[in-house]
N, C-alpha and C. Protein backbone atom coordinates (compact mmCIF):
# COMPACT_ATOMS: atom_id res chain seq x y z
N UNK A 1 0.84 -1.18 0.00
CA UNK A 1 0.00 0.00 0.00
C UNK A 1 0.88 1.24 0.00
N UNK A 2 0.33 2.38 -0.33
CA UNK A 2 1.07 3.64 -0.30
C UNK A 2 0.43 4.57 0.71
N UNK A 3 1.17 5.60 1.12
CA UNK A 3 0.62 6.53 2.07
C UNK A 3 -0.29 7.55 1.39
N UNK A 4 -0.48 7.41 0.12
CA UNK A 4 -1.36 8.25 -0.65
C UNK A 4 -1.66 7.52 -1.94
N UNK A 5 -2.74 7.88 -2.63
CA UNK A 5 -3.03 7.21 -3.89
C UNK A 5 -2.14 7.75 -4.99
N UNK A 6 -0.83 7.55 -4.82
CA UNK A 6 0.14 8.17 -5.70
C UNK A 6 0.83 7.14 -6.59
N UNK A 7 0.59 5.89 -6.33
CA UNK A 7 1.29 4.84 -7.07
C UNK A 7 1.02 4.94 -8.57
N UNK A 8 -0.12 5.52 -8.94
CA UNK A 8 -0.47 5.60 -10.36
C UNK A 8 0.53 6.40 -11.16
N UNK A 9 1.24 7.32 -10.52
CA UNK A 9 2.19 8.16 -11.26
C UNK A 9 3.62 7.72 -11.03
N UNK A 10 3.82 6.45 -10.74
CA UNK A 10 5.17 5.96 -10.43
C UNK A 10 6.13 6.09 -11.61
N UNK A 11 5.59 6.11 -12.81
CA UNK A 11 6.49 6.25 -13.96
C UNK A 11 7.18 7.61 -13.94
N UNK A 12 6.55 8.61 -13.32
CA UNK A 12 7.12 9.95 -13.30
C UNK A 12 7.85 10.25 -12.00
N UNK A 13 7.64 9.47 -10.96
CA UNK A 13 8.23 9.76 -9.66
C UNK A 13 9.04 8.56 -9.16
N UNK A 14 10.16 8.83 -8.52
CA UNK A 14 10.88 7.73 -7.86
C UNK A 14 10.10 7.25 -6.66
N UNK A 15 10.38 6.03 -6.23
CA UNK A 15 9.67 5.46 -5.09
C UNK A 15 10.67 5.06 -4.01
N UNK A 16 10.23 5.10 -2.77
CA UNK A 16 11.04 4.57 -1.68
C UNK A 16 10.15 3.75 -0.77
N UNK A 17 10.69 2.67 -0.29
CA UNK A 17 9.94 1.77 0.60
C UNK A 17 10.24 2.17 2.04
N UNK A 18 9.19 2.43 2.81
CA UNK A 18 9.37 2.87 4.18
C UNK A 18 9.95 1.74 5.03
N UNK A 19 10.99 2.06 5.78
CA UNK A 19 11.54 1.10 6.73
C UNK A 19 11.08 1.50 8.14
N UNK A 20 11.55 0.76 9.13
CA UNK A 20 11.08 0.99 10.50
C UNK A 20 11.42 2.41 10.97
N UNK A 21 12.61 2.89 10.64
CA UNK A 21 13.02 4.22 11.09
C UNK A 21 12.16 5.30 10.46
N UNK A 22 11.96 5.24 9.14
CA UNK A 22 11.17 6.28 8.48
C UNK A 22 9.70 6.21 8.90
N UNK A 23 9.19 5.00 9.13
CA UNK A 23 7.81 4.86 9.59
C UNK A 23 7.63 5.54 10.95
N UNK A 24 8.56 5.30 11.87
CA UNK A 24 8.47 5.94 13.19
C UNK A 24 8.61 7.46 13.06
N UNK A 25 9.37 7.93 12.06
CA UNK A 25 9.52 9.36 11.86
C UNK A 25 8.26 10.04 11.37
N UNK A 26 7.41 9.30 10.69
CA UNK A 26 6.18 9.87 10.13
C UNK A 26 4.96 9.63 11.02
N UNK A 27 4.99 8.54 11.78
CA UNK A 27 3.80 8.08 12.51
C UNK A 27 3.52 8.94 13.75
N UNK A 28 3.04 10.14 13.51
CA UNK A 28 2.60 11.05 14.57
C UNK A 28 1.46 11.87 13.97
N UNK A 29 0.34 12.04 14.68
CA UNK A 29 -0.81 12.74 14.08
C UNK A 29 -0.47 14.11 13.51
N UNK A 30 0.29 14.91 14.24
CA UNK A 30 0.59 16.25 13.76
C UNK A 30 1.55 16.21 12.56
N UNK A 31 2.55 15.33 12.61
CA UNK A 31 3.48 15.23 11.48
C UNK A 31 2.75 14.75 10.22
N UNK A 32 1.82 13.83 10.38
CA UNK A 32 1.07 13.36 9.23
C UNK A 32 0.19 14.47 8.65
N UNK A 33 -0.37 15.31 9.51
CA UNK A 33 -1.17 16.44 9.02
C UNK A 33 -0.31 17.47 8.30
N UNK A 34 0.87 17.75 8.85
CA UNK A 34 1.79 18.67 8.19
C UNK A 34 2.17 18.13 6.82
N UNK A 35 2.52 16.86 6.77
CA UNK A 35 2.93 16.23 5.52
C UNK A 35 1.80 16.28 4.49
N UNK A 36 0.57 16.02 4.93
CA UNK A 36 -0.56 16.05 4.01
C UNK A 36 -0.77 17.47 3.45
N UNK A 37 -0.70 18.49 4.31
CA UNK A 37 -0.88 19.86 3.83
C UNK A 37 0.17 20.23 2.78
N UNK A 38 1.42 19.86 3.03
CA UNK A 38 2.47 20.18 2.08
C UNK A 38 2.30 19.41 0.77
N UNK A 39 1.84 18.18 0.84
CA UNK A 39 1.61 17.40 -0.38
C UNK A 39 0.44 17.94 -1.19
N UNK A 40 -0.65 18.28 -0.50
CA UNK A 40 -1.86 18.68 -1.22
C UNK A 40 -1.85 20.15 -1.63
N UNK A 41 -1.32 21.02 -0.78
CA UNK A 41 -1.43 22.47 -1.03
C UNK A 41 -0.12 23.14 -1.39
N UNK A 42 0.96 22.40 -1.42
CA UNK A 42 2.23 22.97 -1.84
C UNK A 42 3.03 23.56 -0.69
N UNK A 43 4.17 24.19 -1.01
CA UNK A 43 5.10 24.68 0.01
C UNK A 43 4.46 25.68 0.97
N UNK A 44 5.01 25.70 2.19
CA UNK A 44 4.51 26.62 3.22
C UNK A 44 5.60 26.81 4.26
N UNK A 45 5.45 27.86 5.04
CA UNK A 45 6.34 28.10 6.17
C UNK A 45 5.73 27.47 7.42
N UNK A 46 6.53 27.34 8.47
CA UNK A 46 6.01 26.81 9.73
C UNK A 46 4.91 27.71 10.26
N UNK A 47 5.04 29.02 10.06
CA UNK A 47 4.00 29.95 10.53
C UNK A 47 2.67 29.69 9.83
N UNK A 48 2.72 29.52 8.53
CA UNK A 48 1.48 29.25 7.79
C UNK A 48 0.87 27.91 8.17
N UNK A 49 1.72 26.91 8.35
CA UNK A 49 1.23 25.61 8.78
C UNK A 49 0.60 25.69 10.16
N UNK A 50 1.22 26.46 11.05
CA UNK A 50 0.68 26.62 12.41
C UNK A 50 -0.71 27.25 12.36
N UNK A 51 -0.89 28.25 11.49
CA UNK A 51 -2.20 28.89 11.36
C UNK A 51 -3.24 27.91 10.85
N UNK A 52 -2.87 27.10 9.87
CA UNK A 52 -3.81 26.13 9.31
C UNK A 52 -4.20 25.06 10.32
N UNK A 53 -3.25 24.66 11.16
CA UNK A 53 -3.47 23.53 12.06
C UNK A 53 -3.84 23.94 13.48
N UNK A 54 -3.84 25.25 13.75
CA UNK A 54 -4.20 25.72 15.08
C UNK A 54 -3.18 25.36 16.15
N UNK A 55 -1.90 25.34 15.76
CA UNK A 55 -0.82 25.02 16.69
C UNK A 55 0.13 26.20 16.78
N UNK A 56 1.02 26.19 17.78
CA UNK A 56 1.99 27.27 17.85
C UNK A 56 3.17 26.96 16.91
N UNK A 57 3.83 28.02 16.47
CA UNK A 57 4.87 27.88 15.46
C UNK A 57 6.04 27.03 15.94
N UNK A 58 6.39 27.15 17.22
CA UNK A 58 7.50 26.37 17.75
C UNK A 58 7.26 24.87 17.65
N UNK A 59 6.05 24.46 17.99
CA UNK A 59 5.70 23.03 17.89
C UNK A 59 5.77 22.56 16.45
N UNK A 60 5.21 23.35 15.54
CA UNK A 60 5.23 22.98 14.12
C UNK A 60 6.66 22.91 13.61
N UNK A 61 7.49 23.88 13.98
CA UNK A 61 8.89 23.89 13.53
C UNK A 61 9.62 22.63 13.97
N UNK A 62 9.37 22.18 15.19
CA UNK A 62 10.02 20.96 15.69
C UNK A 62 9.62 19.75 14.85
N UNK A 63 8.33 19.63 14.56
CA UNK A 63 7.86 18.49 13.77
C UNK A 63 8.30 18.59 12.31
N UNK A 64 8.39 19.81 11.79
CA UNK A 64 8.88 20.01 10.42
C UNK A 64 10.32 19.53 10.30
N UNK A 65 11.13 19.89 11.27
CA UNK A 65 12.54 19.44 11.23
C UNK A 65 12.62 17.92 11.32
N UNK A 66 11.74 17.33 12.09
CA UNK A 66 11.70 15.87 12.22
C UNK A 66 11.35 15.22 10.88
N UNK A 67 10.36 15.77 10.19
CA UNK A 67 9.99 15.23 8.87
C UNK A 67 11.13 15.38 7.87
N UNK A 68 11.83 16.51 7.94
CA UNK A 68 12.96 16.73 7.03
C UNK A 68 14.09 15.75 7.33
N UNK A 69 14.34 15.50 8.60
CA UNK A 69 15.40 14.57 8.99
C UNK A 69 15.15 13.18 8.42
N UNK A 70 13.88 12.81 8.30
CA UNK A 70 13.52 11.47 7.79
C UNK A 70 13.24 11.47 6.29
N UNK A 71 13.48 12.59 5.62
CA UNK A 71 13.39 12.62 4.17
C UNK A 71 12.01 12.75 3.57
N UNK A 72 11.03 13.17 4.36
CA UNK A 72 9.68 13.33 3.82
C UNK A 72 9.47 14.72 3.23
N UNK A 73 10.13 15.71 3.79
CA UNK A 73 10.03 17.07 3.27
C UNK A 73 11.43 17.65 3.15
N UNK A 74 11.53 18.79 2.45
CA UNK A 74 12.82 19.45 2.29
C UNK A 74 12.61 20.95 2.25
N UNK A 75 13.67 21.68 2.56
CA UNK A 75 13.57 23.13 2.53
C UNK A 75 13.59 23.61 1.08
N UNK A 76 12.76 24.60 0.80
CA UNK A 76 12.73 25.23 -0.52
C UNK A 76 13.62 26.47 -0.43
N UNK A 77 14.91 26.27 -0.64
CA UNK A 77 15.90 27.30 -0.34
C UNK A 77 15.79 28.51 -1.27
N UNK A 78 15.31 28.31 -2.49
CA UNK A 78 15.23 29.44 -3.42
C UNK A 78 14.14 30.43 -3.01
N UNK A 79 13.21 30.01 -2.17
CA UNK A 79 12.14 30.90 -1.76
C UNK A 79 12.36 31.45 -0.35
N UNK A 80 13.04 30.74 0.49
CA UNK A 80 13.16 31.12 1.88
C UNK A 80 14.15 32.24 2.15
N UNK A 81 14.12 32.72 3.36
CA UNK A 81 15.07 33.72 3.86
C UNK A 81 15.61 33.22 5.19
N UNK A 82 16.52 33.99 5.78
CA UNK A 82 17.04 33.59 7.08
C UNK A 82 15.96 33.58 8.15
N UNK A 83 14.98 34.46 7.99
CA UNK A 83 13.91 34.56 9.00
C UNK A 83 12.72 33.66 8.67
N UNK A 84 12.56 33.31 7.41
CA UNK A 84 11.37 32.57 7.00
C UNK A 84 11.77 31.43 6.08
N UNK A 85 11.68 30.20 6.58
CA UNK A 85 12.05 29.03 5.80
C UNK A 85 10.79 28.39 5.22
N UNK A 86 10.86 28.08 3.94
CA UNK A 86 9.75 27.41 3.26
C UNK A 86 10.07 25.93 3.14
N UNK A 87 9.02 25.10 3.25
CA UNK A 87 9.17 23.66 3.20
C UNK A 87 8.23 23.08 2.15
N UNK A 88 8.69 22.01 1.51
CA UNK A 88 7.87 21.31 0.52
C UNK A 88 8.04 19.81 0.72
N UNK A 89 7.07 19.06 0.24
CA UNK A 89 7.19 17.60 0.31
C UNK A 89 8.20 17.14 -0.73
N UNK A 90 8.92 16.08 -0.41
CA UNK A 90 9.86 15.48 -1.36
C UNK A 90 9.04 14.71 -2.39
N UNK A 91 9.36 14.89 -3.66
CA UNK A 91 8.54 14.36 -4.74
C UNK A 91 8.87 12.90 -5.03
N UNK A 92 8.51 12.04 -4.09
CA UNK A 92 8.68 10.60 -4.26
C UNK A 92 7.40 9.90 -3.81
N UNK A 93 7.24 8.66 -4.24
CA UNK A 93 6.13 7.83 -3.78
C UNK A 93 6.62 7.04 -2.57
N UNK A 94 5.94 7.20 -1.45
CA UNK A 94 6.29 6.45 -0.23
C UNK A 94 5.46 5.18 -0.18
N UNK A 95 6.11 4.04 -0.31
CA UNK A 95 5.42 2.76 -0.31
C UNK A 95 5.57 2.09 1.05
N UNK A 96 4.47 1.55 1.53
CA UNK A 96 4.46 0.86 2.81
C UNK A 96 3.96 -0.56 2.61
N UNK A 97 4.78 -1.54 2.99
CA UNK A 97 4.36 -2.93 2.97
C UNK A 97 4.23 -3.37 4.42
N UNK A 98 3.00 -3.53 4.89
CA UNK A 98 2.78 -3.83 6.31
C UNK A 98 3.42 -5.16 6.71
N UNK A 99 3.61 -6.06 5.75
CA UNK A 99 4.23 -7.35 6.07
C UNK A 99 5.67 -7.17 6.54
N UNK A 100 6.31 -6.06 6.16
CA UNK A 100 7.69 -5.81 6.59
C UNK A 100 7.81 -5.69 8.11
N UNK A 101 6.72 -5.34 8.77
CA UNK A 101 6.76 -5.06 10.21
C UNK A 101 5.98 -6.07 11.04
N UNK A 102 5.53 -7.14 10.39
CA UNK A 102 4.70 -8.12 11.09
C UNK A 102 5.41 -8.73 12.30
N UNK A 103 6.71 -8.97 12.18
CA UNK A 103 7.46 -9.63 13.25
C UNK A 103 8.35 -8.66 14.01
N UNK A 104 8.02 -7.38 13.96
CA UNK A 104 8.82 -6.36 14.63
C UNK A 104 7.98 -5.69 15.71
N UNK A 105 8.03 -6.19 16.94
CA UNK A 105 7.18 -5.62 18.01
C UNK A 105 7.50 -4.16 18.30
N UNK A 106 8.73 -3.72 18.04
CA UNK A 106 9.10 -2.33 18.32
C UNK A 106 8.42 -1.36 17.36
N UNK A 107 8.01 -1.84 16.21
CA UNK A 107 7.40 -0.96 15.21
C UNK A 107 5.89 -1.11 15.15
N UNK A 108 5.35 -2.11 15.82
CA UNK A 108 3.92 -2.39 15.72
C UNK A 108 3.06 -1.20 16.15
N UNK A 109 3.46 -0.51 17.20
CA UNK A 109 2.69 0.65 17.67
C UNK A 109 2.70 1.78 16.66
N UNK A 110 3.86 2.06 16.07
CA UNK A 110 3.96 3.11 15.06
C UNK A 110 3.12 2.76 13.83
N UNK A 111 3.15 1.49 13.43
CA UNK A 111 2.38 1.06 12.27
C UNK A 111 0.88 1.22 12.54
N UNK A 112 0.43 0.81 13.72
CA UNK A 112 -0.98 0.93 14.07
C UNK A 112 -1.42 2.39 14.08
N UNK A 113 -0.61 3.27 14.67
CA UNK A 113 -0.94 4.69 14.71
C UNK A 113 -0.98 5.27 13.31
N UNK A 114 0.01 4.94 12.50
CA UNK A 114 0.06 5.45 11.13
C UNK A 114 -1.18 5.06 10.34
N UNK A 115 -1.57 3.79 10.41
CA UNK A 115 -2.72 3.32 9.65
C UNK A 115 -4.02 3.95 10.13
N UNK A 116 -4.17 4.13 11.45
CA UNK A 116 -5.36 4.80 11.99
C UNK A 116 -5.44 6.24 11.50
N UNK A 117 -4.32 6.95 11.57
CA UNK A 117 -4.30 8.35 11.14
C UNK A 117 -4.54 8.47 9.63
N UNK A 118 -4.00 7.53 8.87
CA UNK A 118 -4.20 7.55 7.43
C UNK A 118 -5.68 7.37 7.09
N UNK A 119 -6.33 6.42 7.77
CA UNK A 119 -7.76 6.20 7.55
C UNK A 119 -8.55 7.44 7.94
N UNK A 120 -8.15 8.11 9.01
CA UNK A 120 -8.82 9.33 9.45
C UNK A 120 -8.66 10.44 8.41
N UNK A 121 -7.48 10.56 7.81
CA UNK A 121 -7.28 11.56 6.77
C UNK A 121 -8.19 11.29 5.57
N UNK A 122 -8.27 10.03 5.15
CA UNK A 122 -9.14 9.68 4.03
C UNK A 122 -10.59 10.02 4.36
N UNK A 123 -11.03 9.67 5.57
CA UNK A 123 -12.39 9.96 6.02
C UNK A 123 -12.65 11.46 6.01
N UNK A 124 -11.70 12.24 6.54
CA UNK A 124 -11.87 13.69 6.63
C UNK A 124 -11.99 14.33 5.25
N UNK A 125 -11.24 13.81 4.29
CA UNK A 125 -11.34 14.36 2.93
C UNK A 125 -12.75 14.20 2.39
N UNK A 126 -13.35 13.03 2.61
CA UNK A 126 -14.71 12.79 2.12
C UNK A 126 -15.70 13.69 2.84
N UNK A 127 -15.58 13.80 4.16
CA UNK A 127 -16.49 14.65 4.93
C UNK A 127 -16.38 16.10 4.47
N UNK A 128 -15.16 16.57 4.23
CA UNK A 128 -14.98 17.94 3.75
C UNK A 128 -15.64 18.14 2.39
N UNK A 129 -15.50 17.15 1.53
CA UNK A 129 -16.14 17.23 0.20
C UNK A 129 -17.65 17.35 0.33
N UNK A 130 -18.24 16.56 1.22
CA UNK A 130 -19.68 16.61 1.41
C UNK A 130 -20.14 17.95 1.97
N UNK A 131 -19.33 18.55 2.83
CA UNK A 131 -19.75 19.77 3.52
C UNK A 131 -19.48 21.04 2.73
N UNK A 132 -18.65 20.94 1.67
CA UNK A 132 -18.32 22.12 0.88
C UNK A 132 -19.38 22.41 -0.17
N UNK A 133 -19.44 23.64 -0.59
CA UNK A 133 -20.44 24.08 -1.57
C UNK A 133 -19.85 23.96 -2.97
N UNK A 134 -20.34 23.00 -3.75
CA UNK A 134 -19.89 22.79 -5.12
C UNK A 134 -21.06 23.01 -6.07
N UNK A 135 -20.76 23.51 -7.27
CA UNK A 135 -21.84 23.66 -8.24
C UNK A 135 -22.25 22.28 -8.75
N UNK A 136 -23.38 22.26 -9.45
CA UNK A 136 -23.96 20.98 -9.88
C UNK A 136 -23.02 20.18 -10.78
N UNK A 137 -22.25 20.87 -11.61
CA UNK A 137 -21.36 20.17 -12.54
C UNK A 137 -20.30 19.39 -11.77
N UNK A 138 -19.65 20.04 -10.78
CA UNK A 138 -18.65 19.35 -9.98
C UNK A 138 -19.29 18.31 -9.07
N UNK A 139 -20.44 18.63 -8.50
CA UNK A 139 -21.09 17.69 -7.58
C UNK A 139 -21.46 16.39 -8.29
N UNK A 140 -21.94 16.50 -9.54
CA UNK A 140 -22.33 15.29 -10.27
C UNK A 140 -21.13 14.54 -10.84
N UNK A 141 -19.97 15.22 -10.94
CA UNK A 141 -18.78 14.56 -11.47
C UNK A 141 -18.09 13.70 -10.42
N UNK A 142 -18.19 14.09 -9.16
CA UNK A 142 -17.55 13.32 -8.08
C UNK A 142 -18.39 12.11 -7.70
N UNK A 143 -17.77 11.19 -6.99
CA UNK A 143 -18.51 10.01 -6.53
C UNK A 143 -17.87 9.44 -5.27
N UNK A 144 -18.70 8.90 -4.43
CA UNK A 144 -18.25 8.08 -3.31
C UNK A 144 -19.08 6.80 -3.39
N UNK A 145 -18.46 5.73 -3.81
CA UNK A 145 -19.19 4.49 -4.11
C UNK A 145 -18.53 3.31 -3.43
N UNK A 146 -19.30 2.26 -3.30
CA UNK A 146 -18.70 1.00 -2.84
C UNK A 146 -19.42 -0.17 -3.48
N UNK A 147 -18.68 -1.25 -3.64
CA UNK A 147 -19.22 -2.49 -4.19
C UNK A 147 -18.88 -3.60 -3.19
N UNK A 148 -19.88 -4.33 -2.76
CA UNK A 148 -19.64 -5.33 -1.71
C UNK A 148 -20.01 -6.75 -2.14
N UNK A 149 -20.30 -6.95 -3.42
CA UNK A 149 -20.74 -8.27 -3.87
C UNK A 149 -19.66 -9.02 -4.64
N UNK A 150 -18.38 -8.60 -4.48
CA UNK A 150 -17.29 -9.29 -5.16
C UNK A 150 -16.74 -10.40 -4.26
N UNK A 151 -16.30 -11.46 -4.89
CA UNK A 151 -15.58 -12.53 -4.18
C UNK A 151 -14.32 -12.81 -4.99
N UNK A 152 -13.15 -12.69 -4.37
CA UNK A 152 -11.90 -12.79 -5.10
C UNK A 152 -10.85 -13.54 -4.31
N UNK A 153 -9.88 -14.06 -5.04
CA UNK A 153 -8.67 -14.59 -4.43
C UNK A 153 -7.69 -13.43 -4.25
N UNK A 154 -6.63 -13.61 -3.45
CA UNK A 154 -5.62 -12.54 -3.35
C UNK A 154 -5.04 -12.14 -4.70
N UNK A 155 -4.83 -13.11 -5.58
CA UNK A 155 -4.29 -12.80 -6.91
C UNK A 155 -5.27 -11.93 -7.70
N UNK A 156 -6.55 -12.27 -7.63
CA UNK A 156 -7.55 -11.49 -8.35
C UNK A 156 -7.66 -10.07 -7.79
N UNK A 157 -7.60 -9.93 -6.48
CA UNK A 157 -7.67 -8.60 -5.86
C UNK A 157 -6.48 -7.74 -6.27
N UNK A 158 -5.28 -8.35 -6.27
CA UNK A 158 -4.09 -7.62 -6.70
C UNK A 158 -4.22 -7.19 -8.16
N UNK A 159 -4.77 -8.04 -8.99
CA UNK A 159 -4.95 -7.70 -10.41
C UNK A 159 -5.95 -6.57 -10.58
N UNK A 160 -7.03 -6.59 -9.81
CA UNK A 160 -8.01 -5.51 -9.85
C UNK A 160 -7.36 -4.18 -9.49
N UNK A 161 -6.59 -4.17 -8.41
CA UNK A 161 -5.92 -2.94 -7.99
C UNK A 161 -4.96 -2.43 -9.07
N UNK A 162 -4.22 -3.35 -9.68
CA UNK A 162 -3.27 -2.95 -10.74
C UNK A 162 -4.00 -2.33 -11.92
N UNK A 163 -5.14 -2.89 -12.28
CA UNK A 163 -5.92 -2.34 -13.40
C UNK A 163 -6.45 -0.95 -13.06
N UNK A 164 -6.96 -0.79 -11.85
CA UNK A 164 -7.48 0.52 -11.45
C UNK A 164 -6.37 1.58 -11.43
N UNK A 165 -5.20 1.20 -10.94
CA UNK A 165 -4.08 2.14 -10.90
C UNK A 165 -3.60 2.49 -12.30
N UNK A 166 -3.70 1.54 -13.21
CA UNK A 166 -3.32 1.82 -14.60
C UNK A 166 -4.28 2.84 -15.22
N UNK A 167 -5.54 2.76 -14.87
CA UNK A 167 -6.52 3.74 -15.36
C UNK A 167 -6.17 5.13 -14.83
N UNK A 168 -5.85 5.22 -13.53
CA UNK A 168 -5.47 6.50 -12.94
C UNK A 168 -4.21 7.04 -13.62
N UNK A 169 -3.27 6.16 -13.89
CA UNK A 169 -2.02 6.59 -14.54
C UNK A 169 -2.30 7.21 -15.90
N UNK A 170 -3.28 6.68 -16.63
CA UNK A 170 -3.61 7.23 -17.94
C UNK A 170 -4.18 8.64 -17.83
N UNK A 171 -4.76 8.97 -16.70
CA UNK A 171 -5.36 10.30 -16.50
C UNK A 171 -4.45 11.24 -15.72
N UNK A 172 -3.26 10.78 -15.36
CA UNK A 172 -2.32 11.61 -14.61
C UNK A 172 -1.46 12.40 -15.58
N UNK A 173 -1.51 13.73 -15.52
CA UNK A 173 -0.74 14.53 -16.48
C UNK A 173 0.76 14.43 -16.22
N UNK A 174 1.52 14.68 -17.23
CA UNK A 174 2.97 14.73 -17.08
C UNK A 174 3.34 15.88 -16.16
N UNK A 175 4.46 15.76 -15.43
CA UNK A 175 4.84 16.80 -14.47
C UNK A 175 4.97 18.19 -15.08
N UNK A 176 5.34 18.27 -16.37
CA UNK A 176 5.54 19.57 -17.01
C UNK A 176 4.33 20.02 -17.83
N UNK A 177 3.21 19.30 -17.72
CA UNK A 177 2.03 19.65 -18.50
C UNK A 177 1.35 20.89 -17.91
N UNK A 178 0.86 21.75 -18.79
CA UNK A 178 0.13 22.94 -18.36
C UNK A 178 -1.30 22.53 -17.98
N UNK A 179 -1.76 22.88 -16.76
CA UNK A 179 -3.13 22.50 -16.39
C UNK A 179 -4.15 23.33 -17.16
N UNK A 180 -5.28 22.73 -17.45
CA UNK A 180 -6.37 23.46 -18.10
C UNK A 180 -6.90 24.52 -17.15
N UNK A 181 -7.36 25.65 -17.67
CA UNK A 181 -7.83 26.73 -16.78
C UNK A 181 -9.07 26.35 -15.98
N UNK A 182 -9.86 25.37 -16.46
CA UNK A 182 -11.06 24.97 -15.73
C UNK A 182 -10.82 23.75 -14.85
N UNK A 183 -9.56 23.34 -14.70
CA UNK A 183 -9.24 22.14 -13.92
C UNK A 183 -8.96 22.49 -12.46
N UNK A 184 -9.38 21.61 -11.58
CA UNK A 184 -9.10 21.73 -10.15
C UNK A 184 -8.34 20.49 -9.68
N UNK A 185 -7.62 20.57 -8.57
CA UNK A 185 -6.98 19.37 -8.03
C UNK A 185 -8.04 18.31 -7.70
N UNK A 186 -7.75 17.08 -8.00
CA UNK A 186 -8.67 15.96 -7.74
C UNK A 186 -7.95 14.92 -6.90
N UNK A 187 -8.62 14.42 -5.87
CA UNK A 187 -8.10 13.34 -5.04
C UNK A 187 -8.84 12.06 -5.40
N UNK A 188 -8.10 11.01 -5.70
CA UNK A 188 -8.69 9.70 -5.93
C UNK A 188 -8.26 8.81 -4.78
N UNK A 189 -9.21 8.30 -4.04
CA UNK A 189 -8.92 7.40 -2.92
C UNK A 189 -9.37 6.00 -3.29
N UNK A 190 -8.43 5.09 -3.35
CA UNK A 190 -8.74 3.71 -3.69
C UNK A 190 -8.62 2.86 -2.44
N UNK A 191 -9.72 2.24 -2.06
CA UNK A 191 -9.73 1.40 -0.86
C UNK A 191 -10.38 0.07 -1.23
N UNK A 192 -9.55 -0.94 -1.38
CA UNK A 192 -10.07 -2.26 -1.70
C UNK A 192 -9.37 -3.28 -0.82
N UNK A 193 -10.15 -4.06 -0.10
CA UNK A 193 -9.56 -4.96 0.89
C UNK A 193 -10.54 -6.10 1.17
N UNK A 194 -10.03 -7.24 1.65
CA UNK A 194 -10.93 -8.36 1.97
C UNK A 194 -11.73 -8.06 3.23
N UNK A 195 -12.86 -8.71 3.34
CA UNK A 195 -13.74 -8.56 4.51
C UNK A 195 -13.96 -9.93 5.14
N UNK A 196 -13.80 -10.00 6.46
CA UNK A 196 -14.05 -11.25 7.16
C UNK A 196 -15.53 -11.59 7.07
N UNK A 197 -15.83 -12.83 6.72
CA UNK A 197 -17.22 -13.26 6.69
C UNK A 197 -17.73 -13.50 8.09
N UNK A 198 -18.94 -13.06 8.38
CA UNK A 198 -19.53 -13.23 9.69
C UNK A 198 -20.86 -13.94 9.54
N UNK A 199 -21.03 -15.01 10.26
CA UNK A 199 -22.26 -15.77 10.17
C UNK A 199 -23.42 -15.04 10.81
N UNK A 200 -24.62 -15.48 10.48
CA UNK A 200 -25.83 -14.86 11.04
C UNK A 200 -26.40 -15.69 12.18
N UNK A 201 -25.83 -16.85 12.42
CA UNK A 201 -26.39 -17.73 13.44
C UNK A 201 -25.79 -17.48 14.81
């Protein structure tokens, strides 16, 4: 799995597999929120991030440095000054394979926290979409759907995910492509997973 639905653009971006150290560096609610803001909304200073997140600048600065130390974000030196440092997300795909940490009790807590916070971020994005005022054209273009009548083997599920990601890749513009004037940022959240069967008796 990835920490974002970014795998579709892997042809344009390098990828790195999260290890125990980098996972522990990211697995904190505030650091994950900072990282998400920088990924979705672009570069920002600690002051601007603090305003968005309702935290004090000192706390944000500490977590920003922590994210930079673990390679998730970097300073945008061409924009910053001695008094005001700008930060941006590093343009790579962060891949997480939960099986890597199955037998590592020291990392189990960080993995659990990371996955809970990631699910909360996905949930919050949907709630925000529902609560925002969109015109009819955008409202009818978006969707939140689910299908629960599939039965698959692990191989079939992996193939389904690969096909869906290939579709997203076809719609992902090249990094140097000029965006259309009527285009807005779009988030695609792909969530496909097995469900434990529960009897009715």
